[in-house]
Amino acid sequence: MRLYPLMPCLLTLGLTWLAPTAWAQGAYPNKPVRMIVPFPAGQATDMVARMLAEGLGRTWGQQVVVENRPGVPGMMVGKEAPADGYTLTFGTSGTLAVNPAVIAKITYDTQRDYTMIHGGAIIPMVIVASANSPFQSLKDLVDAARKEPGKLNIGYGGVNNTQHLTGELFKSYAKVDLVGVNYKGSAAAVTDLLGGQVSLLVDSLAATVPHIKSGKIRPLAISTLQRVPQMPDLPTVAETFPGFEGVGWAGLVAPKGTPQAIVDKISDDTLKVLSDPKMRELIIDRGMVPDLRGAREWGDFVNAEVLKWVEAARKAGLKPE
């Protein structure tokens, strides 16, 4: 009974403690935000990051400064920054999921060191052949590969990257023996495909779509689960081999321990930016698809991707270097 008179005082004290916290969270961001992009300026992922940074900057009334730190060093900057929401990283399939599968002593851990905030863009991969190839469809390719195992070669627009592992994953799903040929980048891979040095190529839609539109390259299948708006008539690999998905992707992460209220605000505002029709059009024009998944759904996807690519690398016999 004697405690009752203390209740108003305790309630007042509790509200006093809560008020500054609520105010601080509601004020985010009250200064410029840094966005680390682990790719060089001008690369496709960098372009999307800059568009997203511009949109968030307008929404927040604060500048979002893009800082290019290619590769592992950029991911380390994002990992070691204060967990206050003022340093974000535009993580990708390569840096967050493929690197753990192919780098032996990687200095960061995707699940342990980062908080997933929101998807940004899906980067479809496409299986293509040259225009004078006899293959008119994915079925033609699979039938030929099964008839003469080890005869056909398939180029990858990179080494130990998403393109490479997507190609290896396709071989596993389709149960075909194709000879993989790695290139240092998309330009060299496309050149050799056009010149007949390789029969097939797995690369990003962004890298191949100009040649597809010109008629020099024939697309056989897209690697996304659903067909893409750029080529709605192009079948997915999954339509022939259910469950197949091998895509690049990018999205926002923050250092582990970032307050949930800040994560939720960034996620909500990112969704608003990506849902804008002009933003959607800009991303699609660059051969990508907006990714509207929020923190939990996108986090589940990223975690699954980490496991998938580790297993794909193992099955392909790729030893971490």
Protein backbone atom coordinates (compact mmCIF):
# COMPACT_ATOMS: atom_id res chain seq x y z
CA MET A 1 0.00 0.00 0.00
CA ARG A 2 2.82 2.41 0.79
CA LEU A 3 4.20 2.01 -2.74
CA TYR A 4 1.17 3.52 -4.45
CA PRO A 5 2.20 7.19 -3.99
CA LEU A 6 5.48 6.37 -5.76
CA MET A 7 3.80 5.19 -8.97
CA PRO A 8 3.29 8.65 -10.56
CA CYS A 9 6.93 9.47 -9.85
CA LEU A 10 8.15 6.21 -11.33
CA LEU A 11 5.97 6.68 -14.39
CA THR A 12 7.29 10.20 -14.88
CA LEU A 13 10.86 8.95 -14.49
CA GLY A 14 10.26 6.21 -17.05
CA LEU A 15 8.86 8.64 -19.58
CA THR A 16 11.82 10.94 -18.99
CA TRP A 17 14.23 8.11 -19.85
CA LEU A 18 12.22 7.08 -22.92
CA ALA A 19 11.77 10.55 -24.39
CA PRO A 20 15.38 11.21 -25.50
CA THR A 21 15.56 7.75 -27.12
CA ALA A 22 12.33 8.26 -29.03
CA TRP A 23 13.45 11.73 -30.10
CA ALA A 24 16.83 10.47 -31.28
CA GLN A 25 15.27 7.72 -33.36
CA GLY A 26 12.69 10.05 -34.84
CA ALA A 27 15.39 12.53 -35.83
CA TYR A 28 17.37 10.08 -37.97
CA PRO A 29 19.15 11.13 -40.06
CA ASN A 30 20.22 14.53 -38.76
CA LYS A 31 23.52 14.61 -40.68
CA PRO A 32 24.91 13.23 -43.96
CA VAL A 33 24.91 9.45 -44.46
CA ARG A 34 27.79 7.57 -46.09
CA MET A 35 27.07 4.72 -48.54
CA ILE A 36 29.98 2.37 -49.26
CA VAL A 37 29.89 0.77 -52.72
CA PRO A 38 32.36 -2.14 -53.05
CA PHE A 39 32.71 -1.60 -56.80
CA PRO A 40 34.41 0.98 -59.01
CA ALA A 41 32.54 4.10 -60.07
CA GLY A 42 30.57 3.67 -63.29
CA GLN A 43 29.92 -0.03 -62.85
CA ALA A 44 26.24 -1.07 -63.11
CA THR A 45 25.89 -1.72 -59.37
CA ASP A 46 27.45 1.66 -58.64
CA MET A 47 24.87 3.35 -60.87
CA VAL A 48 21.97 1.81 -58.96
CA ALA A 49 23.59 2.69 -55.65
CA ARG A 50 23.92 6.32 -56.72
CA MET A 51 20.31 6.49 -57.85
CA LEU A 52 19.19 5.02 -54.53
CA ALA A 53 21.45 7.41 -52.62
CA GLU A 54 19.96 10.36 -54.49
CA GLY A 55 16.43 9.19 -53.75
CA LEU A 56 17.12 8.64 -50.06
CA GLY A 57 18.84 12.01 -49.86
CA ARG A 58 15.73 13.73 -51.20
CA THR A 59 13.52 11.77 -48.79
CA TRP A 60 15.66 12.57 -45.76
CA GLY A 61 16.72 16.09 -46.60
CA GLN A 62 20.29 14.96 -45.96
CA GLN A 63 23.07 14.18 -48.38
CA VAL A 64 23.88 10.50 -48.93
CA VAL A 65 27.52 10.41 -49.99
CA VAL A 66 28.59 7.47 -52.16
CA GLU A 67 32.10 6.21 -51.49
CA ASN A 68 33.61 3.65 -53.86
CA ARG A 69 35.81 1.10 -52.05
CA PRO A 70 36.11 -1.90 -54.39
CA GLY A 71 36.10 -5.44 -53.04
CA VAL A 72 36.91 -6.73 -49.57
CA PRO A 73 38.33 -3.38 -48.33
CA GLY A 74 34.94 -1.75 -48.91
CA MET A 75 33.15 -4.49 -47.02
CA MET A 76 35.58 -4.05 -44.14
CA VAL A 77 34.85 -0.32 -43.99
CA GLY A 78 31.16 -1.15 -43.76
CA LYS A 79 31.75 -3.80 -41.11
CA GLU A 80 33.93 -1.64 -38.85
CA ALA A 81 31.86 1.56 -39.00
CA PRO A 82 29.82 2.65 -35.95
CA ALA A 83 26.44 0.88 -35.80
CA ASP A 84 24.48 4.13 -35.84
CA GLY A 85 22.94 4.10 -39.32
CA TYR A 86 25.30 6.72 -40.73
CA THR A 87 27.41 4.24 -42.71
CA LEU A 88 25.55 1.92 -45.06
CA THR A 89 27.01 -0.57 -47.53
CA PHE A 90 25.51 -1.52 -50.88
CA GLY A 91 26.33 -5.21 -50.57
CA THR A 92 26.04 -7.56 -53.52
CA SER A 93 25.76 -11.24 -54.35
CA GLY A 94 29.48 -11.21 -55.05
CA THR A 95 30.61 -9.58 -51.83
CA LEU A 96 28.04 -11.12 -49.47
CA ALA A 97 27.43 -14.60 -50.87
CA VAL A 98 29.98 -15.61 -53.52
CA ASN A 99 33.12 -14.36 -51.75
CA PRO A 100 32.51 -16.61 -48.71
CA ALA A 101 32.37 -19.55 -51.14
CA VAL A 102 35.59 -18.79 -53.01
CA ILE A 103 37.87 -16.89 -50.59
CA ALA A 104 39.55 -19.14 -48.05
CA LYS A 105 40.41 -16.61 -45.34
CA ILE A 106 37.77 -13.96 -45.81
CA THR A 107 37.93 -11.20 -43.21
CA TYR A 108 34.20 -10.68 -42.75
CA ASP A 109 31.17 -12.85 -42.11
CA THR A 110 27.91 -11.98 -43.86
CA GLN A 111 25.57 -13.19 -41.13
CA ARG A 112 27.70 -12.22 -38.14
CA ASP A 113 28.94 -8.77 -39.18
CA TYR A 114 26.04 -7.14 -41.04
CA THR A 115 22.39 -6.30 -40.51
CA MET A 116 20.29 -6.71 -43.65
CA ILE A 117 18.19 -3.64 -44.38
CA HIS A 118 16.52 -3.87 -47.80
CA GLY A 119 16.94 -5.29 -51.27
CA GLY A 120 17.97 -2.92 -54.04
CA ALA A 121 18.10 -4.67 -57.39
CA ILE A 122 18.10 -8.13 -58.93
CA ILE A 123 20.66 -8.60 -61.71
CA PRO A 124 19.42 -11.35 -64.05
CA MET A 125 21.86 -13.69 -65.72
CA VAL A 126 21.11 -14.99 -69.18
CA ILE A 127 22.28 -18.02 -71.14
CA VAL A 128 23.02 -16.91 -74.69
CA ALA A 129 24.37 -18.30 -77.95
CA SER A 130 25.60 -16.53 -81.05
CA ALA A 131 23.02 -15.68 -83.71
CA ASN A 132 24.39 -18.36 -86.08
CA SER A 133 24.24 -21.08 -83.42
CA PRO A 134 22.02 -24.10 -84.14
CA PHE A 135 20.44 -23.74 -80.68
CA GLN A 136 17.04 -22.08 -80.76
CA SER A 137 16.02 -22.94 -77.21
CA LEU A 138 17.34 -24.21 -73.89
CA LYS A 139 16.00 -27.66 -74.80
CA ASP A 140 18.15 -27.68 -77.94
CA LEU A 141 21.20 -26.88 -75.85
CA VAL A 142 20.51 -29.53 -73.21
CA ASP A 143 19.75 -32.20 -75.80
CA ALA A 144 23.01 -31.48 -77.66
CA ALA A 145 25.06 -31.41 -74.43
CA ARG A 146 23.64 -34.75 -73.30
CA LYS A 147 24.22 -36.31 -76.71
CA GLU A 148 27.90 -35.34 -76.76
CA PRO A 149 29.14 -34.73 -73.19
CA GLY A 150 32.18 -32.47 -72.89
CA LYS A 151 32.04 -31.21 -76.49
CA LEU A 152 30.37 -27.84 -75.95
CA ASN A 153 32.08 -25.03 -74.11
CA ILE A 154 30.41 -22.27 -72.15
CA GLY A 155 31.95 -18.92 -71.31
CA TYR A 156 31.58 -17.04 -68.03
CA GLY A 157 31.92 -13.28 -67.75
CA GLY A 158 34.36 -13.57 -64.84
CA VAL A 159 36.19 -15.94 -62.52
CA ASN A 160 34.71 -17.07 -59.19
CA ASN A 161 31.88 -14.57 -59.52
CA THR A 162 28.09 -14.77 -59.85
CA GLN A 163 28.25 -15.45 -63.59
CA HIS A 164 30.69 -18.30 -63.06
CA LEU A 165 28.74 -19.94 -60.25
CA THR A 166 25.43 -19.49 -62.07
CA GLY A 167 26.87 -21.42 -64.99
CA GLU A 168 28.13 -24.16 -62.70
CA LEU A 169 24.75 -24.29 -60.96
CA PHE A 170 23.02 -24.68 -64.34
CA LYS A 171 25.29 -27.60 -65.26
CA SER A 172 24.34 -29.27 -61.99
CA TYR A 173 20.58 -28.74 -62.43
CA ALA A 174 20.59 -29.78 -66.09
CA LYS A 175 23.00 -32.66 -65.51
CA VAL A 176 25.09 -31.71 -68.52
CA ASP A 177 28.84 -31.74 -69.12
CA LEU A 178 29.87 -28.38 -70.53
CA VAL A 179 33.45 -27.13 -70.55
CA GLY A 180 33.63 -23.85 -68.64
CA VAL A 181 35.81 -21.04 -69.99
CA ASN A 182 36.48 -18.11 -67.66
CA TYR A 183 37.11 -14.58 -68.87
CA LYS A 184 38.38 -11.54 -66.99
CA GLY A 185 35.19 -9.67 -67.80
CA SER A 186 32.07 -9.46 -69.92
CA ALA A 187 33.62 -7.59 -72.86
CA ALA A 188 36.16 -10.32 -73.63
CA ALA A 189 33.57 -13.06 -73.13
CA VAL A 190 31.07 -11.48 -75.52
CA THR A 191 33.81 -10.88 -78.11
CA ASP A 192 34.76 -14.56 -78.10
CA LEU A 193 31.12 -15.63 -78.30
CA LEU A 194 30.61 -13.44 -81.36
CA GLY A 195 33.86 -14.76 -82.84
CA GLY A 196 32.88 -18.38 -82.33
CA GLN A 197 35.58 -19.21 -79.78
CA VAL A 198 32.89 -20.34 -77.31
CA SER A 199 29.51 -21.89 -78.08
CA LEU A 200 27.57 -20.37 -75.18
CA LEU A 201 27.86 -17.69 -72.57
CA VAL A 202 26.45 -16.99 -69.11
CA ASP A 203 26.55 -13.29 -68.29
CA SER A 204 24.37 -10.51 -66.97
CA LEU A 205 21.43 -9.25 -68.94
CA ALA A 206 22.92 -5.76 -68.64
CA ALA A 207 26.10 -6.89 -70.42
CA THR A 208 24.38 -8.83 -73.20
CA VAL A 209 21.16 -6.95 -73.95
CA PRO A 210 22.69 -4.52 -76.51
CA HIS A 211 23.92 -7.48 -78.58
CA ILE A 212 20.61 -9.30 -78.12
CA LYS A 213 18.73 -6.27 -79.43
CA SER A 214 21.11 -5.98 -82.39
CA GLY A 215 20.45 -9.63 -83.29
CA LYS A 216 24.08 -10.74 -82.85
CA ILE A 217 23.31 -12.86 -79.79
CA ARG A 218 20.40 -15.23 -79.25
CA PRO A 219 19.04 -15.54 -75.69
CA LEU A 220 18.03 -19.06 -74.66
CA ALA A 221 16.84 -18.56 -71.07
CA ILE A 222 16.87 -16.09 -68.19
CA SER A 223 18.11 -17.12 -64.74
CA THR A 224 15.43 -15.46 -62.59
CA LEU A 225 12.49 -17.37 -61.09
CA GLN A 226 10.05 -15.18 -63.03
CA ARG A 227 10.34 -13.71 -66.49
CA VAL A 228 11.77 -10.21 -66.64
CA PRO A 229 10.08 -7.05 -67.95
CA GLN A 230 12.87 -6.39 -70.44
CA MET A 231 12.15 -9.68 -72.25
CA PRO A 232 8.76 -11.03 -71.20
CA ASP A 233 8.79 -13.66 -73.95
CA LEU A 234 12.12 -15.17 -72.87
CA PRO A 235 11.56 -18.35 -70.80
CA THR A 236 13.28 -18.84 -67.46
CA VAL A 237 15.62 -21.73 -66.78
CA ALA A 238 13.22 -22.63 -63.96
CA GLU A 239 10.48 -23.35 -66.49
CA THR A 240 12.58 -26.30 -67.64
CA PHE A 241 14.39 -27.04 -64.37
CA PRO A 242 12.05 -26.08 -61.50
CA GLY A 243 13.60 -24.14 -58.65
CA PHE A 244 16.62 -22.90 -60.58
CA GLU A 245 17.65 -19.35 -59.72
CA GLY A 246 21.08 -17.89 -60.31
CA VAL A 247 21.07 -14.12 -60.14
CA GLY A 248 23.20 -11.23 -59.08
CA TRP A 249 21.70 -8.88 -56.54
CA ALA A 250 22.46 -5.85 -54.45
CA GLY A 251 20.98 -4.19 -51.40
CA LEU A 252 21.64 -2.20 -48.27
CA VAL A 253 23.36 -3.56 -45.18
CA ALA A 254 24.59 -1.87 -42.01
CA PRO A 255 27.00 -2.90 -39.26
CA LYS A 256 25.64 -5.49 -36.87
CA GLY A 257 24.01 -3.87 -33.86
CA THR A 258 22.39 -1.00 -35.74
CA PRO A 259 19.22 -0.06 -33.77
CA GLN A 260 16.09 -1.74 -35.12
CA ALA A 261 14.20 1.57 -35.29
CA ILE A 262 16.85 2.96 -37.65
CA VAL A 263 16.90 -0.24 -39.72
CA ASP A 264 13.11 -0.05 -40.07
CA LYS A 265 13.20 3.60 -41.13
CA ILE A 266 15.88 3.02 -43.76
CA SER A 267 14.00 -0.03 -45.02
CA ASP A 268 10.68 1.82 -45.23
CA ASP A 269 12.23 4.78 -47.03
CA THR A 270 14.15 2.53 -49.42
CA LEU A 271 10.89 0.85 -50.37
CA LYS A 272 9.36 4.25 -51.13
CA VAL A 273 12.30 5.19 -53.36
CA LEU A 274 12.32 1.88 -55.25
CA SER A 275 8.54 1.94 -55.69
CA ASP A 276 8.66 5.24 -57.56
CA PRO A 277 7.78 4.54 -61.24
CA LYS A 278 10.69 6.66 -62.50
CA MET A 279 13.16 4.80 -60.32
CA ARG A 280 11.75 1.46 -61.45
CA GLU A 281 12.12 2.52 -65.08
CA LEU A 282 15.73 3.61 -64.56
CA ILE A 283 16.66 0.28 -62.98
CA ILE A 284 14.90 -1.75 -65.69
CA ASP A 285 16.62 0.31 -68.40
CA ARG A 286 19.95 -0.84 -66.94
CA GLY A 287 19.07 -4.51 -67.31
CA MET A 288 18.01 -5.06 -63.71
CA VAL A 289 14.80 -5.45 -61.71
CA PRO A 290 13.93 -3.53 -58.51
CA ASP A 291 14.03 -5.69 -55.38
CA LEU A 292 11.26 -4.60 -52.99
CA ARG A 293 11.99 -7.06 -50.18
CA GLY A 294 12.27 -5.56 -46.71
CA ALA A 295 14.74 -6.38 -43.95
CA ARG A 296 13.41 -9.76 -42.83
CA GLU A 297 12.49 -11.19 -46.23
CA TRP A 298 15.66 -9.92 -47.88
CA GLY A 299 17.75 -11.15 -44.97
CA ASP A 300 16.30 -14.65 -45.33
CA PHE A 301 17.07 -14.53 -49.05
CA VAL A 302 20.68 -13.45 -48.49
CA ASN A 303 21.27 -16.16 -45.89
CA ALA A 304 19.92 -18.77 -48.30
CA GLU A 305 22.14 -17.41 -51.07
CA VAL A 306 25.26 -17.75 -48.91
CA LEU A 307 24.50 -21.44 -48.37
CA LYS A 308 23.54 -22.00 -52.01
CA TRP A 309 26.73 -20.60 -53.49
CA VAL A 310 28.97 -22.41 -51.01
CA GLU A 311 27.31 -25.67 -52.06
CA ALA A 312 27.46 -24.76 -55.77
CA ALA A 313 31.19 -24.04 -55.49
CA ARG A 314 31.74 -27.33 -53.67
CA LYS A 315 29.90 -29.34 -56.32
CA ALA A 316 31.86 -27.57 -59.06
CA GLY A 317 35.14 -28.45 -57.36
CA LEU A 318 36.07 -24.80 -56.83
CA LYS A 319 38.50 -24.61 -53.94
CA PRO A 320 38.56 -21.37 -51.91
CA GLU A 321 41.74 -19.41 -52.64
